[in-house]
Amino acid sequence: MTATLNPWPTTRQGATNHPVPMLQYLLLAHGHTVTVDGVFGAQTSDAVRAYQRAKNLPDDGVVGPQTWRALIVEVRPGAKGNAVRGVQHEFQVRGDVAPQADGVYGPATEQAVRAFQSALRADGAEVAADGVIGPRTWQALVGGVQAPLRQAA
C-alpha cells in the first residue's frame, strides 16, 4: 500500500510557527519583503496578497493548496537563495540532521534531503530520493511529514 503525503496546509494571518517560516522564505524567494519570524502578521499577509494578485490567484491572503503550489520552486544541488534557506531552516526546526541555514544547497543539504526522501519512500510515499526538492518533497516538508532521518555512521 502506498503512503500518502499530508495535504497542503491552510495558513492564514494569526498563524505561528510551522509552516509560516517556510512561507516567509518562499515569499522572499519571490522578491517580497518579509521578516522570517514565524508569525503570519500584517507584513506576511500583505506579501501573500500581493503574490496572489501577481499570479492571478484568489486575493484572499489565505495560503492554501493553490497558493502553496504557486510559491514552491524546484531546488536542487548547487541552488542558492531563500528557498534553500527555508528548506534548511525546516530541517533544523525538526531536529533532523541539518545543514546550517546559509542558503547554499551543498553536500550537507543534499544529504539531509536525500535522507528525508529515503525515509518517505521507506514509508511508502511516491517520492524520488534524488535530492531534488520538487512538488512532492515540498508538500511533505510544508505538510509537516515527520520522516525520521537516519544519520550516516
Protein backbone atom coordinates (compact mmCIF):
# COMPACT_ATOMS: atom_id res chain seq x y z
CA MET A 1 0.00 0.00 0.00
CA THR A 2 1.33 3.43 -0.92
CA ALA A 3 1.51 6.04 1.80
CA THR A 4 0.04 9.43 1.03
CA LEU A 5 1.52 12.78 1.87
CA ASN A 6 -0.22 15.19 4.21
CA PRO A 7 -2.33 17.71 2.34
CA TRP A 8 -1.04 21.23 1.83
CA PRO A 9 -1.92 23.16 5.00
CA THR A 10 -4.19 26.17 5.05
CA THR A 11 -2.24 29.02 6.61
CA ARG A 12 -3.61 32.47 7.35
CA GLN A 13 -2.99 35.61 9.34
CA GLY A 14 -2.60 34.82 13.04
CA ALA A 15 -0.78 31.53 12.43
CA THR A 16 2.56 30.99 14.14
CA ASN A 17 5.41 28.53 13.73
CA HIS A 18 5.29 25.74 11.13
CA PRO A 19 4.83 26.30 8.19
CA VAL A 20 4.97 30.10 8.50
CA PRO A 21 8.79 30.41 8.29
CA MET A 22 8.75 28.27 5.12
CA LEU A 23 6.08 30.57 3.69
CA GLN A 24 8.14 33.62 4.58
CA TYR A 25 11.29 32.20 2.97
CA LEU A 26 9.33 31.36 -0.19
CA LEU A 27 7.89 34.88 -0.31
CA LEU A 28 11.44 36.25 -0.01
CA ALA A 29 12.49 33.91 -2.83
CA HIS A 30 9.85 35.57 -4.99
CA GLY A 31 11.10 39.07 -4.15
CA HIS A 32 8.62 40.05 -1.43
CA THR A 33 9.85 41.84 1.68
CA VAL A 34 9.01 39.94 4.85
CA THR A 35 10.72 39.20 8.14
CA VAL A 36 11.21 35.50 8.82
CA ASP A 37 9.86 35.39 12.35
CA GLY A 38 7.36 32.54 12.23
CA VAL A 39 4.42 34.91 12.72
CA PHE A 40 1.85 35.38 9.96
CA GLY A 41 1.19 39.03 10.71
CA ALA A 42 0.21 42.03 8.62
CA GLN A 43 3.52 42.15 6.72
CA THR A 44 3.28 38.49 5.66
CA SER A 45 -0.41 38.89 4.85
CA ASP A 46 0.31 41.89 2.61
CA ALA A 47 3.07 39.94 0.82
CA VAL A 48 0.79 36.91 0.33
CA ARG A 49 -1.97 39.09 -1.13
CA ALA A 50 0.50 40.85 -3.46
CA TYR A 51 1.84 37.48 -4.60
CA GLN A 52 -1.67 36.14 -5.16
CA ARG A 53 -2.59 39.20 -7.24
CA ALA A 54 0.61 38.85 -9.31
CA LYS A 55 -0.18 35.18 -10.02
CA ASN A 56 -3.90 35.76 -10.70
CA LEU A 57 -4.86 33.68 -7.67
CA PRO A 58 -7.79 34.48 -5.38
CA ASP A 59 -6.61 37.54 -3.43
CA ASP A 60 -7.75 36.38 0.00
CA GLY A 61 -4.49 36.34 1.97
CA VAL A 62 -5.03 32.66 2.78
CA VAL A 63 -2.28 30.24 1.74
CA GLY A 64 -4.00 27.04 0.69
CA PRO A 65 -3.00 24.35 -1.83
CA GLN A 66 -3.24 26.60 -4.88
CA THR A 67 -1.04 29.32 -3.39
CA TRP A 68 1.47 26.82 -1.97
CA ARG A 69 1.83 25.15 -5.39
CA ALA A 70 2.45 28.55 -6.99
CA LEU A 71 5.03 29.53 -4.33
CA ILE A 72 7.25 26.46 -4.45
CA VAL A 73 10.30 26.42 -6.67
CA GLU A 74 12.37 23.41 -7.61
CA VAL A 75 15.53 23.33 -5.53
CA ARG A 76 18.47 21.13 -6.42
CA PRO A 77 22.17 20.78 -5.60
CA GLY A 78 24.02 23.97 -6.47
CA ALA A 79 20.99 26.21 -5.88
CA LYS A 80 21.30 29.29 -3.69
CA GLY A 81 18.84 31.64 -2.06
CA ASN A 82 15.88 31.91 0.23
CA ALA A 83 14.04 28.78 -0.94
CA VAL A 84 17.13 26.77 0.03
CA ARG A 85 17.34 28.67 3.32
CA GLY A 86 13.72 27.71 4.01
CA VAL A 87 14.42 24.02 3.48
CA GLN A 88 17.48 24.20 5.69
CA HIS A 89 15.53 26.02 8.40
CA GLU A 90 12.82 23.35 8.27
CA PHE A 91 15.34 20.56 8.84
CA GLN A 92 16.85 22.48 11.77
CA VAL A 93 13.46 23.04 13.41
CA ARG A 94 12.59 19.37 13.04
CA GLY A 95 15.79 18.44 14.85
CA ASP A 96 16.92 16.31 11.91
CA VAL A 97 20.49 16.10 10.74
CA ALA A 98 20.57 19.52 9.18
CA PRO A 99 22.95 21.84 7.42
CA GLN A 100 23.47 25.41 8.50
CA ALA A 101 20.76 27.69 7.07
CA ASP A 102 23.18 29.52 4.77
CA GLY A 103 21.06 29.42 1.61
CA VAL A 104 23.55 27.25 -0.29
CA TYR A 105 22.44 23.79 -1.44
CA GLY A 106 25.70 21.98 -0.85
CA PRO A 107 26.60 18.42 0.17
CA ALA A 108 25.18 18.67 3.72
CA THR A 109 21.82 19.91 2.44
CA GLU A 110 21.75 17.24 -0.25
CA GLN A 111 22.47 14.55 2.34
CA ALA A 112 19.61 15.80 4.55
CA VAL A 113 17.20 16.00 1.60
CA ARG A 114 18.07 12.54 0.31
CA ALA A 115 17.72 11.05 3.81
CA PHE A 116 14.29 12.70 4.16
CA GLN A 117 13.22 11.45 0.75
CA SER A 118 14.51 7.94 1.50
CA ALA A 119 12.55 7.88 4.77
CA LEU A 120 9.42 8.98 2.90
CA ARG A 121 9.96 6.20 0.35
CA ALA A 122 10.51 3.65 3.13
CA ASP A 123 7.10 4.66 4.48
CA GLY A 124 5.59 4.04 1.03
CA ALA A 125 5.33 7.58 -0.34
CA GLU A 126 5.93 8.01 -4.05
CA VAL A 127 8.86 10.39 -3.72
CA ALA A 128 12.12 10.03 -5.60
CA ALA A 129 15.21 10.02 -3.40
CA ASP A 130 17.07 12.17 -5.91
CA GLY A 131 18.00 15.20 -3.81
CA VAL A 132 15.74 17.45 -5.90
CA ILE A 133 13.08 19.28 -3.93
CA GLY A 134 10.15 19.18 -6.31
CA PRO A 135 6.40 19.40 -5.64
CA ARG A 136 6.06 16.12 -3.69
CA THR A 137 9.05 16.78 -1.42
CA TRP A 138 7.85 20.35 -0.85
CA GLN A 139 4.40 19.01 0.04
CA ALA A 140 5.94 16.62 2.57
CA LEU A 141 8.01 19.41 4.12
CA VAL A 142 5.25 22.01 4.20
CA GLY A 143 2.62 19.45 5.21
CA GLY A 144 4.65 18.54 8.27
CA VAL A 145 5.54 14.92 7.49
CA GLN A 146 7.92 13.77 10.22
CA ALA A 147 10.02 11.24 8.36
CA PRO A 148 12.76 10.03 10.68
CA LEU A 149 16.18 10.69 9.20
CA ARG A 150 18.97 8.27 9.76
CA GLN A 151 22.42 9.64 10.44
CA ALA A 152 25.25 8.19 8.45
CA ALA A 153 27.58 6.14 10.65
